[in-house]
Amino acid sequence: MPARIVHYGHRMAPVAPSPAIDPRHAALLLMDFQAGIVDSLPDGGDLIARVAAARACATRAGVRTIFIRVAFTDAARRSVPDRNKSFAAIASTDRLADGNADADIHATLKPRADDLVLTKTRVGAFSTTDLAAQLAASGIDTLILAGISTSGVMLSTIRDAADHDYRLYVLADCCADRDAEVHRVLLDQVFVRQADIIESTDLDTLLDLSTGQA
């Protein structure tokens, strides 16, 4: 069953207004928006357009973009143990091989010279990268997150980031998952406990509020 875009709908309970985002200490984390992943989605074009708009908004405000991609060198494939249920299956194929077109960041979001691109070999953005060190070096304590999938990289990264005390914002309309109900539950009942759940169109206001308070 191919993955499909699931839009974020209603919130289960009233939520207080999200605090303003200070662009000096924030990063936009775009995760697994790779050609072979996005192009497999029936509504991938719509998703990538929203992500591109969110990126443009963040860039205008001075928020740095960090791309997270999953890709495997030959050595990385050999290092995946058979007991890893998810990644042993991927490692047995040439899917997302480092250097292959399907592992590249989607052309619509082509990284710029000042963007950071980190490559991982597991689900979460922190576990097999130096993301935490890069954020600390840049004085970043706030993450704006978007990614595919909601139950994969988003869930793993949000849980890890929350444990490390980052302020978190989830761009709900810039996430996708195979399972509509899992997507809804994560956004309505799980992520909301650790992050502010917003739409990409909220970014302008939240960033402008911060600029106005500076």
N, C-alpha and C. Protein backbone atom coordinates (compact mmCIF):
# COMPACT_ATOMS: atom_id res chain seq x y z
N MET A 1 0.84 -1.19 0.00
CA MET A 1 0.00 0.00 0.00
C MET A 1 0.88 1.24 0.00
N PRO A 2 0.75 2.12 -0.99
CA PRO A 2 1.59 3.31 -1.04
C PRO A 2 1.25 4.28 0.07
N ALA A 3 2.26 5.05 0.49
CA ALA A 3 2.00 6.07 1.50
C ALA A 3 1.11 7.15 0.91
N ARG A 4 0.35 7.81 1.75
CA ARG A 4 -0.49 8.89 1.27
C ARG A 4 -0.44 10.04 2.25
N ILE A 5 -0.74 11.22 1.76
CA ILE A 5 -0.74 12.40 2.61
C ILE A 5 -1.99 12.40 3.46
N VAL A 6 -1.84 12.66 4.73
CA VAL A 6 -2.98 12.80 5.64
C VAL A 6 -2.89 14.18 6.25
N HIS A 7 -3.86 15.02 5.95
CA HIS A 7 -3.82 16.38 6.47
C HIS A 7 -4.22 16.39 7.94
N TYR A 8 -3.60 17.28 8.68
CA TYR A 8 -3.96 17.46 10.09
C TYR A 8 -5.29 18.17 10.17
N GLY A 9 -6.19 17.66 10.96
CA GLY A 9 -7.51 18.25 11.09
C GLY A 9 -7.72 18.95 12.41
N HIS A 10 -8.81 18.62 13.11
CA HIS A 10 -9.15 19.29 14.36
C HIS A 10 -8.25 18.86 15.50
N ARG A 11 -8.17 19.69 16.52
CA ARG A 11 -7.50 19.30 17.74
C ARG A 11 -8.54 18.71 18.68
N MET A 12 -8.12 17.75 19.48
CA MET A 12 -9.04 17.06 20.36
C MET A 12 -9.55 17.97 21.48
N ALA A 13 -8.73 18.95 21.88
CA ALA A 13 -9.11 19.85 22.97
C ALA A 13 -8.53 21.22 22.68
N PRO A 14 -9.10 22.29 23.27
CA PRO A 14 -8.57 23.63 23.03
C PRO A 14 -7.09 23.71 23.42
N VAL A 15 -6.33 24.43 22.60
CA VAL A 15 -4.90 24.56 22.83
C VAL A 15 -4.56 26.04 22.95
N ALA A 16 -3.73 26.39 23.92
CA ALA A 16 -3.33 27.78 24.10
C ALA A 16 -2.54 28.24 22.88
N PRO A 17 -2.58 29.54 22.58
CA PRO A 17 -1.82 30.06 21.43
C PRO A 17 -0.34 29.69 21.54
N SER A 18 0.24 29.36 20.41
CA SER A 18 1.66 29.00 20.40
C SER A 18 2.52 30.23 20.66
N PRO A 19 3.60 30.08 21.42
CA PRO A 19 4.49 31.22 21.66
C PRO A 19 5.24 31.60 20.39
N ALA A 20 5.68 32.84 20.36
CA ALA A 20 6.45 33.31 19.21
C ALA A 20 7.76 32.54 19.08
N ILE A 21 8.27 32.49 17.85
CA ILE A 21 9.52 31.77 17.58
C ILE A 21 10.63 32.79 17.37
N ASP A 22 11.70 32.68 18.14
CA ASP A 22 12.86 33.55 17.98
C ASP A 22 13.75 32.96 16.89
N PRO A 23 13.81 33.59 15.72
CA PRO A 23 14.58 33.00 14.61
C PRO A 23 16.07 32.89 14.88
N ARG A 24 16.57 33.66 15.85
CA ARG A 24 18.01 33.60 16.16
C ARG A 24 18.40 32.28 16.80
N HIS A 25 17.42 31.60 17.39
CA HIS A 25 17.72 30.37 18.11
C HIS A 25 16.88 29.19 17.60
N ALA A 26 16.40 29.30 16.36
CA ALA A 26 15.52 28.27 15.80
C ALA A 26 16.12 27.67 14.54
N ALA A 27 15.74 26.43 14.26
CA ALA A 27 16.12 25.76 13.02
C ALA A 27 14.90 25.04 12.47
N LEU A 28 14.77 25.05 11.15
CA LEU A 28 13.73 24.28 10.46
C LEU A 28 14.33 22.93 10.09
N LEU A 29 13.77 21.87 10.64
CA LEU A 29 14.29 20.52 10.42
C LEU A 29 13.39 19.80 9.41
N LEU A 30 13.91 19.58 8.20
CA LEU A 30 13.16 18.91 7.14
C LEU A 30 13.71 17.50 6.98
N MET A 31 12.87 16.50 7.27
CA MET A 31 13.37 15.14 7.44
C MET A 31 12.79 14.16 6.42
N ASP A 32 13.71 13.52 5.72
CA ASP A 32 13.39 12.43 4.78
C ASP A 32 12.57 12.89 3.57
N PHE A 33 12.71 14.16 3.20
CA PHE A 33 12.06 14.64 1.98
C PHE A 33 12.98 14.35 0.80
N GLN A 34 13.08 13.06 0.49
CA GLN A 34 13.98 12.57 -0.55
C GLN A 34 13.18 12.13 -1.77
N ALA A 35 13.83 12.18 -2.91
CA ALA A 35 13.15 11.93 -4.17
C ALA A 35 12.39 10.61 -4.17
N GLY A 36 13.04 9.54 -3.75
CA GLY A 36 12.40 8.23 -3.80
C GLY A 36 11.27 8.07 -2.82
N ILE A 37 11.24 8.90 -1.78
CA ILE A 37 10.17 8.84 -0.79
C ILE A 37 9.01 9.74 -1.19
N VAL A 38 9.31 11.00 -1.52
CA VAL A 38 8.26 11.95 -1.90
C VAL A 38 7.55 11.50 -3.17
N ASP A 39 8.32 11.05 -4.16
CA ASP A 39 7.72 10.69 -5.45
C ASP A 39 6.84 9.45 -5.37
N SER A 40 6.94 8.70 -4.28
CA SER A 40 6.08 7.52 -4.12
C SER A 40 4.71 7.88 -3.54
N LEU A 41 4.54 9.13 -3.13
CA LEU A 41 3.29 9.56 -2.52
C LEU A 41 2.32 10.06 -3.59
N PRO A 42 1.07 9.64 -3.55
CA PRO A 42 0.11 10.11 -4.55
C PRO A 42 -0.12 11.61 -4.50
N ASP A 43 0.04 12.22 -3.32
CA ASP A 43 -0.13 13.66 -3.17
C ASP A 43 1.20 14.32 -2.82
N GLY A 44 2.29 13.74 -3.27
CA GLY A 44 3.60 14.25 -2.93
C GLY A 44 3.84 15.67 -3.41
N GLY A 45 3.28 16.00 -4.56
CA GLY A 45 3.46 17.35 -5.09
C GLY A 45 2.87 18.41 -4.19
N ASP A 46 1.67 18.13 -3.64
CA ASP A 46 1.03 19.08 -2.73
C ASP A 46 1.84 19.22 -1.44
N LEU A 47 2.31 18.10 -0.93
CA LEU A 47 3.11 18.12 0.29
C LEU A 47 4.36 18.95 0.10
N ILE A 48 5.08 18.69 -0.97
CA ILE A 48 6.36 19.36 -1.18
C ILE A 48 6.16 20.85 -1.41
N ALA A 49 5.02 21.25 -1.99
CA ALA A 49 4.73 22.67 -2.17
C ALA A 49 4.55 23.37 -0.83
N ARG A 50 3.88 22.71 0.10
CA ARG A 50 3.70 23.30 1.44
C ARG A 50 5.04 23.38 2.17
N VAL A 51 5.84 22.35 2.04
CA VAL A 51 7.15 22.35 2.69
C VAL A 51 8.02 23.47 2.11
N ALA A 52 7.99 23.63 0.80
CA ALA A 52 8.79 24.68 0.16
C ALA A 52 8.34 26.06 0.63
N ALA A 53 7.04 26.25 0.80
CA ALA A 53 6.53 27.53 1.28
C ALA A 53 6.97 27.80 2.72
N ALA A 54 6.94 26.75 3.54
CA ALA A 54 7.39 26.89 4.93
C ALA A 54 8.88 27.22 4.98
N ARG A 55 9.64 26.58 4.12
CA ARG A 55 11.08 26.85 4.07
C ARG A 55 11.35 28.29 3.65
N ALA A 56 10.62 28.77 2.65
CA ALA A 56 10.81 30.15 2.19
C ALA A 56 10.49 31.14 3.30
N CYS A 57 9.43 30.88 4.05
CA CYS A 57 9.05 31.74 5.17
C CYS A 57 10.14 31.75 6.24
N ALA A 58 10.63 30.58 6.59
CA ALA A 58 11.68 30.48 7.60
C ALA A 58 12.95 31.19 7.14
N THR A 59 13.29 31.04 5.87
CA THR A 59 14.49 31.68 5.34
C THR A 59 14.39 33.19 5.41
N ARG A 60 13.22 33.71 5.05
CA ARG A 60 13.02 35.17 5.12
C ARG A 60 13.25 35.71 6.53
N ALA A 61 12.89 34.90 7.52
CA ALA A 61 13.02 35.33 8.91
C ALA A 61 14.41 35.07 9.48
N GLY A 62 15.27 34.42 8.71
CA GLY A 62 16.61 34.13 9.19
C GLY A 62 16.75 32.82 9.92
N VAL A 63 15.75 31.94 9.79
CA VAL A 63 15.82 30.62 10.41
C VAL A 63 16.62 29.67 9.51
N ARG A 64 17.58 28.98 10.07
CA ARG A 64 18.40 28.07 9.29
C ARG A 64 17.64 26.78 8.97
N THR A 65 17.84 26.25 7.77
CA THR A 65 17.24 24.98 7.37
C THR A 65 18.27 23.86 7.53
N ILE A 66 17.83 22.78 8.15
CA ILE A 66 18.66 21.58 8.29
C ILE A 66 17.91 20.41 7.66
N PHE A 67 18.53 19.78 6.69
CA PHE A 67 17.95 18.60 6.05
C PHE A 67 18.50 17.33 6.72
N ILE A 68 17.60 16.40 6.95
CA ILE A 68 17.98 15.07 7.42
C ILE A 68 17.57 14.07 6.34
N ARG A 69 18.51 13.25 5.92
CA ARG A 69 18.21 12.25 4.90
C ARG A 69 18.71 10.90 5.38
N VAL A 70 18.07 9.84 4.89
CA VAL A 70 18.53 8.49 5.21
C VAL A 70 19.17 7.91 3.95
N ALA A 71 20.38 7.41 4.09
CA ALA A 71 21.10 6.82 2.96
C ALA A 71 22.18 5.88 3.48
N PHE A 72 22.52 4.90 2.66
CA PHE A 72 23.45 3.85 3.09
C PHE A 72 24.62 3.71 2.14
N THR A 73 25.81 3.81 2.69
CA THR A 73 27.00 3.36 1.96
C THR A 73 27.05 1.84 2.06
N ASP A 74 27.94 1.24 1.31
CA ASP A 74 28.10 -0.22 1.40
C ASP A 74 28.47 -0.64 2.83
N ALA A 75 29.35 0.13 3.44
CA ALA A 75 29.77 -0.19 4.80
C ALA A 75 28.61 -0.07 5.78
N ALA A 76 27.78 0.95 5.60
CA ALA A 76 26.63 1.14 6.48
C ALA A 76 25.64 -0.01 6.34
N ARG A 77 25.45 -0.49 5.12
CA ARG A 77 24.56 -1.64 4.91
C ARG A 77 25.08 -2.88 5.64
N ARG A 78 26.38 -3.10 5.53
CA ARG A 78 26.96 -4.29 6.17
C ARG A 78 26.88 -4.22 7.69
N SER A 79 26.78 -3.01 8.22
CA SER A 79 26.77 -2.85 9.68
C SER A 79 25.39 -3.05 10.30
N VAL A 80 24.35 -3.17 9.47
CA VAL A 80 23.00 -3.36 10.00
C VAL A 80 22.81 -4.82 10.40
N PRO A 81 22.55 -5.10 11.66
CA PRO A 81 22.39 -6.50 12.08
C PRO A 81 21.04 -7.07 11.65
N ASP A 82 20.98 -8.36 11.49
CA ASP A 82 19.74 -9.03 11.08
C ASP A 82 18.63 -8.82 12.10
N ARG A 83 18.97 -8.59 13.34
CA ARG A 83 17.95 -8.43 14.37
C ARG A 83 17.20 -7.10 14.27
N ASN A 84 17.71 -6.16 13.47
CA ASN A 84 17.02 -4.88 13.28
C ASN A 84 15.91 -5.11 12.26
N LYS A 85 14.69 -5.24 12.75
CA LYS A 85 13.57 -5.65 11.91
C LYS A 85 13.32 -4.72 10.74
N SER A 86 13.40 -3.42 10.98
CA SER A 86 13.12 -2.45 9.92
C SER A 86 14.27 -2.30 8.94
N PHE A 87 15.46 -2.09 9.46
CA PHE A 87 16.56 -1.71 8.58
C PHE A 87 17.28 -2.88 7.94
N ALA A 88 17.15 -4.07 8.50
CA ALA A 88 17.75 -5.23 7.84
C ALA A 88 17.11 -5.46 6.48
N ALA A 89 15.80 -5.21 6.39
CA ALA A 89 15.10 -5.37 5.11
C ALA A 89 15.59 -4.36 4.09
N ILE A 90 15.80 -3.10 4.52
CA ILE A 90 16.29 -2.06 3.61
C ILE A 90 17.73 -2.37 3.21
N ALA A 91 18.54 -2.81 4.15
CA ALA A 91 19.95 -3.06 3.89
C ALA A 91 20.17 -4.20 2.91
N SER A 92 19.18 -5.04 2.75
CA SER A 92 19.31 -6.17 1.83
C SER A 92 19.02 -5.78 0.38
N THR A 93 18.67 -4.51 0.15
CA THR A 93 18.40 -4.02 -1.20
C THR A 93 19.32 -2.83 -1.48
N ASP A 94 19.18 -2.24 -2.67
CA ASP A 94 19.95 -1.04 -2.98
C ASP A 94 19.10 0.21 -2.82
N ARG A 95 17.96 0.08 -2.16
CA ARG A 95 17.10 1.24 -1.93
C ARG A 95 17.82 2.25 -1.03
N LEU A 96 17.73 3.51 -1.38
CA LEU A 96 18.33 4.60 -0.62
C LEU A 96 19.84 4.44 -0.46
N ALA A 97 20.45 3.90 -1.49
CA ALA A 97 21.91 3.80 -1.49
C ALA A 97 22.50 5.19 -1.66
N ASP A 98 23.51 5.50 -0.87
CA ASP A 98 24.15 6.81 -0.95
C ASP A 98 24.71 7.01 -2.35
N GLY A 99 24.32 8.10 -2.99
CA GLY A 99 24.74 8.36 -4.36
C GLY A 99 23.67 8.08 -5.39
N ASN A 100 22.66 7.30 -5.02
CA ASN A 100 21.54 7.04 -5.93
C ASN A 100 20.55 8.20 -5.91
N ALA A 101 19.85 8.38 -7.02
CA ALA A 101 18.92 9.51 -7.16
C ALA A 101 17.80 9.45 -6.13
N ASP A 102 17.35 8.24 -5.76
CA ASP A 102 16.22 8.15 -4.84
C ASP A 102 16.57 8.62 -3.43
N ALA A 103 17.87 8.69 -3.12
CA ALA A 103 18.29 9.13 -1.80
C ALA A 103 18.55 10.64 -1.73
N ASP A 104 18.50 11.31 -2.88
CA ASP A 104 18.75 12.75 -2.93
C ASP A 104 17.58 13.53 -2.32
N ILE A 105 17.88 14.70 -1.75
CA ILE A 105 16.82 15.62 -1.34
C ILE A 105 16.00 15.96 -2.57
N HIS A 106 14.68 16.01 -2.43
CA HIS A 106 13.80 16.31 -3.56
C HIS A 106 14.23 17.61 -4.24
N ALA A 107 14.20 17.60 -5.56
CA ALA A 107 14.71 18.73 -6.34
C ALA A 107 14.03 20.05 -5.98
N THR A 108 12.76 20.01 -5.61
CA THR A 108 12.05 21.23 -5.24
C THR A 108 12.66 21.89 -4.01
N LEU A 109 13.29 21.11 -3.17
CA LEU A 109 13.88 21.60 -1.92
C LEU A 109 15.40 21.60 -1.97
N LYS A 110 15.96 21.69 -3.14
CA LYS A 110 17.41 21.56 -3.30
C LYS A 110 18.15 22.40 -2.26
N PRO A 111 19.02 21.77 -1.47
CA PRO A 111 19.75 22.51 -0.43
C PRO A 111 20.59 23.65 -1.01
N ARG A 112 20.64 24.74 -0.25
CA ARG A 112 21.48 25.87 -0.61
C ARG A 112 22.82 25.77 0.11
N ALA A 113 23.73 26.66 -0.23
CA ALA A 113 25.08 26.59 0.32
C ALA A 113 25.09 26.72 1.84
N ASP A 114 24.14 27.50 2.39
CA ASP A 114 24.14 27.72 3.84
C ASP A 114 23.25 26.73 4.59
N ASP A 115 22.65 25.78 3.89
CA ASP A 115 21.86 24.74 4.55
C ASP A 115 22.78 23.63 5.04
N LEU A 116 22.35 22.98 6.09
CA LEU A 116 23.10 21.82 6.62
C LEU A 116 22.36 20.56 6.20
N VAL A 117 23.09 19.58 5.67
CA VAL A 117 22.52 18.30 5.27
C VAL A 117 23.22 17.20 6.06
N LEU A 118 22.45 16.44 6.84
CA LEU A 118 22.99 15.35 7.63
C LEU A 118 22.40 14.03 7.17
N THR A 119 23.23 13.00 7.12
CA THR A 119 22.79 11.68 6.66
C THR A 119 22.73 10.73 7.84
N LYS A 120 21.60 10.04 7.97
CA LYS A 120 21.39 9.08 9.06
C LYS A 120 21.22 7.68 8.49
N THR A 121 21.34 6.69 9.37
CA THR A 121 21.15 5.30 8.95
C THR A 121 20.16 4.58 9.86
N ARG A 122 19.41 5.37 10.63
CA ARG A 122 18.33 4.81 11.44
C ARG A 122 17.16 5.78 11.38
N VAL A 123 16.12 5.58 12.19
CA VAL A 123 14.88 6.34 12.05
C VAL A 123 15.02 7.79 12.51
N GLY A 124 15.46 8.00 13.73
CA GLY A 124 15.49 9.33 14.31
C GLY A 124 16.60 10.21 13.74
N ALA A 125 16.39 11.53 13.82
CA ALA A 125 17.36 12.47 13.27
C ALA A 125 18.62 12.59 14.12
N PHE A 126 18.54 12.21 15.41
CA PHE A 126 19.67 12.38 16.31
C PHE A 126 20.57 11.14 16.42
N SER A 127 20.01 9.95 16.21
CA SER A 127 20.69 8.74 16.67
C SER A 127 21.99 8.42 15.95
N THR A 128 22.08 8.70 14.67
CA THR A 128 23.30 8.35 13.93
C THR A 128 23.89 9.56 13.21
N THR A 129 23.67 10.76 13.76
CA THR A 129 24.22 11.99 13.21
C THR A 129 24.83 12.82 14.34
N ASP A 130 25.46 13.93 13.97
CA ASP A 130 25.97 14.86 14.99
C ASP A 130 25.03 16.06 15.11
N LEU A 131 23.75 15.84 14.89
CA LEU A 131 22.77 16.93 14.93
C LEU A 131 22.82 17.69 16.24
N ALA A 132 22.87 17.00 17.36
CA ALA A 132 22.87 17.68 18.66
C ALA A 132 24.07 18.62 18.79
N ALA A 133 25.23 18.18 18.35
CA ALA A 133 26.43 19.02 18.42
C ALA A 133 26.31 20.23 17.50
N GLN A 134 25.75 20.01 16.32
CA GLN A 134 25.57 21.11 15.37
C GLN A 134 24.61 22.16 15.93
N LEU A 135 23.53 21.73 16.56
CA LEU A 135 22.56 22.66 17.14
C LEU A 135 23.19 23.44 18.29
N ALA A 136 23.92 22.75 19.14
CA ALA A 136 24.56 23.41 20.28
C ALA A 136 25.56 24.45 19.81
N ALA A 137 26.33 24.13 18.78
CA ALA A 137 27.33 25.05 18.27
C ALA A 137 26.71 26.32 17.69
N SER A 138 25.47 26.21 17.21
CA SER A 138 24.77 27.35 16.62
C SER A 138 23.84 28.05 17.60
N GLY A 139 23.81 27.60 18.84
CA GLY A 139 22.95 28.23 19.84
C GLY A 139 21.47 28.02 19.58
N ILE A 140 21.12 26.90 18.99
CA ILE A 140 19.72 26.61 18.65
C ILE A 140 19.06 25.82 19.76
N ASP A 141 17.93 26.32 20.25
CA ASP A 141 17.17 25.61 21.28
C ASP A 141 15.73 25.36 20.87
N THR A 142 15.39 25.72 19.63
CA THR A 142 14.02 25.59 19.13
C THR A 142 14.04 24.90 17.77
N LEU A 143 13.20 23.88 17.60
CA LEU A 143 13.13 23.15 16.34
C LEU A 143 11.73 23.22 15.76
N ILE A 144 11.66 23.52 14.47
CA ILE A 144 10.41 23.47 13.70
C ILE A 144 10.53 22.24 12.82
N LEU A 145 9.63 21.27 13.01
CA LEU A 145 9.82 19.96 12.40
C LEU A 145 8.78 19.62 11.35
N ALA A 146 9.27 18.98 10.27
CA ALA A 146 8.40 18.44 9.23
C ALA A 146 9.07 17.19 8.69
N GLY A 147 8.27 16.18 8.28
CA GLY A 147 8.92 14.99 7.78
C GLY A 147 7.97 13.88 7.37
N ILE A 148 8.55 12.89 6.75
CA ILE A 148 7.88 11.67 6.32
C ILE A 148 8.64 10.49 6.97
N SER A 149 8.02 9.73 7.85
CA SER A 149 6.59 9.72 8.12
C SER A 149 6.32 10.20 9.55
N THR A 150 5.04 10.47 9.81
CA THR A 150 4.62 10.92 11.12
C THR A 150 4.97 9.89 12.20
N SER A 151 4.75 8.62 11.88
CA SER A 151 5.00 7.54 12.85
C SER A 151 6.43 7.04 12.82
N GLY A 152 7.26 7.60 11.93
CA GLY A 152 8.64 7.19 11.82
C GLY A 152 9.58 8.27 12.33
N VAL A 153 10.16 9.01 11.40
CA VAL A 153 11.16 10.02 11.77
C VAL A 153 10.58 11.11 12.67
N MET A 154 9.32 11.49 12.46
CA MET A 154 8.73 12.53 13.30
C MET A 154 8.63 12.05 14.75
N LEU A 155 8.05 10.88 14.96
CA LEU A 155 7.88 10.35 16.31
C LEU A 155 9.21 10.17 17.02
N SER A 156 10.16 9.53 16.36
CA SER A 156 11.46 9.27 16.98
C SER A 156 12.18 10.57 17.31
N THR A 157 12.16 11.52 16.40
CA THR A 157 12.91 12.76 16.60
C THR A 157 12.26 13.64 17.66
N ILE A 158 10.94 13.73 17.67
CA ILE A 158 10.25 14.55 18.66
C ILE A 158 10.51 14.02 20.07
N ARG A 159 10.41 12.72 20.24
CA ARG A 159 10.64 12.14 21.57
C ARG A 159 12.07 12.42 22.04
N ASP A 160 13.03 12.24 21.16
CA ASP A 160 14.43 12.46 21.51
C ASP A 160 14.67 13.94 21.80
N ALA A 161 14.16 14.81 20.94
CA ALA A 161 14.36 16.26 21.11
C ALA A 161 13.72 16.77 22.39
N ALA A 162 12.54 16.25 22.72
CA ALA A 162 11.86 16.67 23.94
C ALA A 162 12.67 16.26 25.17
N ASP A 163 13.27 15.08 25.13
CA ASP A 163 14.10 14.63 26.25
C ASP A 163 15.36 15.49 26.40
N HIS A 164 15.73 16.19 25.32
CA HIS A 164 16.90 17.08 25.38
C HIS A 164 16.49 18.55 25.53
N ASP A 165 15.22 18.77 25.88
CA ASP A 165 14.72 20.09 26.29
C ASP A 165 14.65 21.13 25.18
N TYR A 166 14.52 20.72 23.93
CA TYR A 166 14.27 21.68 22.87
C TYR A 166 12.81 22.13 22.92
N ARG A 167 12.58 23.41 22.55
CA ARG A 167 11.21 23.84 22.29
C ARG A 167 10.85 23.35 20.89
N LEU A 168 9.68 22.74 20.75
CA LEU A 168 9.33 22.06 19.51
C LEU A 168 8.04 22.60 18.90
N TYR A 169 8.08 22.75 17.58
CA TYR A 169 6.91 23.11 16.79
C TYR A 169 6.79 22.07 15.68
N VAL A 170 5.61 21.50 15.52
CA VAL A 170 5.36 20.52 14.46
C VAL A 170 4.50 21.16 13.37
N LEU A 171 4.99 21.14 12.14
CA LEU A 171 4.21 21.62 11.00
C LEU A 171 3.30 20.48 10.55
N ALA A 172 2.09 20.46 11.08
CA ALA A 172 1.21 19.31 10.89
C ALA A 172 0.87 19.05 9.43
N ASP A 173 0.74 20.11 8.63
CA ASP A 173 0.38 19.91 7.22
C ASP A 173 1.60 19.63 6.35
N CYS A 174 2.76 19.49 6.97
CA CYS A 174 3.98 19.12 6.26
C CYS A 174 4.49 17.76 6.71
N CYS A 175 3.58 16.92 7.18
CA CYS A 175 3.87 15.54 7.57
C CYS A 175 2.98 14.60 6.78
N ALA A 176 3.39 13.36 6.65
CA ALA A 176 2.60 12.35 5.96
C ALA A 176 2.81 11.00 6.61
N ASP A 177 1.79 10.14 6.51
CA ASP A 177 1.89 8.80 7.06
C ASP A 177 1.01 7.85 6.27
N ARG A 178 1.35 6.56 6.32
CA ARG A 178 0.54 5.56 5.63
C ARG A 178 -0.82 5.36 6.30
N ASP A 179 -0.87 5.58 7.59
CA ASP A 179 -2.07 5.26 8.36
C ASP A 179 -2.71 6.55 8.88
N ALA A 180 -3.90 6.85 8.40
CA ALA A 180 -4.58 8.09 8.77
C ALA A 180 -4.86 8.16 10.26
N GLU A 181 -5.26 7.05 10.87
CA GLU A 181 -5.61 7.08 12.29
C GLU A 181 -4.36 7.23 13.15
N VAL A 182 -3.29 6.56 12.80
CA VAL A 182 -2.03 6.72 13.53
C VAL A 182 -1.56 8.17 13.44
N HIS A 183 -1.64 8.74 12.26
CA HIS A 183 -1.26 10.14 12.03
C HIS A 183 -2.08 11.06 12.94
N ARG A 184 -3.39 10.86 12.97
CA ARG A 184 -4.27 11.71 13.78
C ARG A 184 -3.96 11.57 15.26
N VAL A 185 -3.82 10.35 15.73
CA VAL A 185 -3.56 10.13 17.16
C VAL A 185 -2.22 10.76 17.57
N LEU A 186 -1.22 10.60 16.75
CA LEU A 186 0.08 11.19 17.09
C LEU A 186 -0.01 12.70 17.21
N LEU A 187 -0.68 13.34 16.26
CA LEU A 187 -0.77 14.79 16.29
C LEU A 187 -1.70 15.29 17.39
N ASP A 188 -2.84 14.64 17.55
CA ASP A 188 -3.85 15.11 18.50
C ASP A 188 -3.53 14.75 19.95
N GLN A 189 -2.90 13.58 20.16
CA GLN A 189 -2.79 13.07 21.52
C GLN A 189 -1.37 12.83 22.01
N VAL A 190 -0.42 12.69 21.11
CA VAL A 190 0.96 12.38 21.52
C VAL A 190 1.87 13.59 21.36
N PHE A 191 2.01 14.08 20.14
CA PHE A 191 2.93 15.19 19.90
C PHE A 191 2.53 16.44 20.67
N VAL A 192 1.22 16.65 20.83
CA VAL A 192 0.74 17.87 21.47
C VAL A 192 1.21 17.98 22.91
N ARG A 193 1.62 16.87 23.52
CA ARG A 193 2.14 16.89 24.88
C ARG A 193 3.56 17.43 24.96
N GLN A 194 4.25 17.41 23.83
CA GLN A 194 5.66 17.81 23.82
C GLN A 194 5.98 18.93 22.84
N ALA A 195 5.02 19.28 22.00
CA ALA A 195 5.29 20.27 20.96
C ALA A 195 4.05 21.12 20.70
N ASP A 196 4.29 22.29 20.10
CA ASP A 196 3.18 23.10 19.60
C ASP A 196 2.85 22.60 18.20
N ILE A 197 1.59 22.25 17.98
CA ILE A 197 1.15 21.73 16.69
C ILE A 197 0.59 22.91 15.90
N ILE A 198 1.25 23.24 14.80
CA ILE A 198 0.86 24.39 14.00
C ILE A 198 0.74 24.00 12.53
N GLU A 199 0.23 24.91 11.71
CA GLU A 199 0.21 24.74 10.27
C GLU A 199 1.35 25.56 9.67
N SER A 200 1.75 25.22 8.47
CA SER A 200 2.83 25.97 7.82
C SER A 200 2.46 27.44 7.65
N THR A 201 1.18 27.73 7.49
CA THR A 201 0.73 29.11 7.32
C THR A 201 0.81 29.92 8.62
N ASP A 202 1.04 29.25 9.75
CA ASP A 202 1.19 29.95 11.03
C ASP A 202 2.59 30.55 11.20
N LEU A 203 3.54 30.11 10.40
CA LEU A 203 4.93 30.51 10.62
C LEU A 203 5.14 32.01 10.51
N ASP A 204 4.56 32.62 9.48
CA ASP A 204 4.73 34.06 9.29
C ASP A 204 4.36 34.83 10.55
N THR A 205 3.20 34.50 11.12
CA THR A 205 2.72 35.20 12.30
C THR A 205 3.63 34.95 13.50
N LEU A 206 3.99 33.71 13.73
CA LEU A 206 4.81 33.39 14.90
C LEU A 206 6.20 34.01 14.80
N LEU A 207 6.77 34.05 13.61
CA LEU A 207 8.08 34.66 13.43
C LEU A 207 8.00 36.17 13.48
N ASP A 208 6.92 36.76 12.95
CA ASP A 208 6.73 38.22 13.00
C ASP A 208 6.53 38.68 14.44
N LEU A 209 5.79 37.88 15.23
CA LEU A 209 5.58 38.22 16.64
C LEU A 209 6.91 38.31 17.35
N SER A 210 7.79 37.36 17.07
CA SER A 210 9.09 37.35 17.72
C SER A 210 9.90 38.57 17.31
N THR A 211 9.86 38.90 16.01
CA THR A 211 10.61 40.05 15.51
C THR A 211 10.09 41.33 16.16
N GLY A 212 8.78 41.41 16.33
CA GLY A 212 8.19 42.60 16.93
C GLY A 212 8.53 42.77 18.39
N GLN A 213 8.85 41.64 19.04
CA GLN A 213 9.16 41.70 20.49
C GLN A 213 10.64 41.95 20.74
N ALA A 214 11.46 41.83 19.68
CA ALA A 214 12.91 41.96 19.84
C ALA A 214 13.32 43.39 20.22
